[in-house]
Amino acid sequence: QLQVVESGGGLVQVGGSLRLSCTASGFTPGFGLNYYTVGWFRQAPGKEREAVSCIHGTDGSTHYVDSVRGRFTISRDNTKNTIYLQISNVKPEDTAVYYCAARPFTTAQSMCTMNLVDHWGQGTQVTVSP
């Protein structure tokens, strides 16, 4: 059973930056992370969980929601089984619990726009201070 674990959350000032990491484990032999599209989702207080950015396992194609495009960058290192979300120029509305998610054989756009997820992490809190 694939597991994904987030790290890197914390308190950051408006305009600041931080990087979230998502490390995957529990692969079926011969079925590595490159088979999975991985995405970052977030849930702010009182709001529904929303997709932020997704990245395809093999071709590296990405999808971003409009609210973060140009400020967030998703990347992956399949050799380390890790996906990153670089968050820059943070805004108060970026305060949320950020979740890592994975699903095999899915495009980045499909995962992000249709919330196609098989595996969820427990989340990491990002809090933006004035």
Foldseek 3Di string as FASTA:
>chain_A
DKAKAKDWADEAAQQAKTKMKIAIDDDDPPCFQLQKKKFKWWDDPPGDIATAKIAHSHPGDMDGDPVQPPFWDWDDDRVRRMIMIIGGNDDQVVWTWMKMFIDGPDHGVCCRPVVDGDYIYPTDTHGYDD
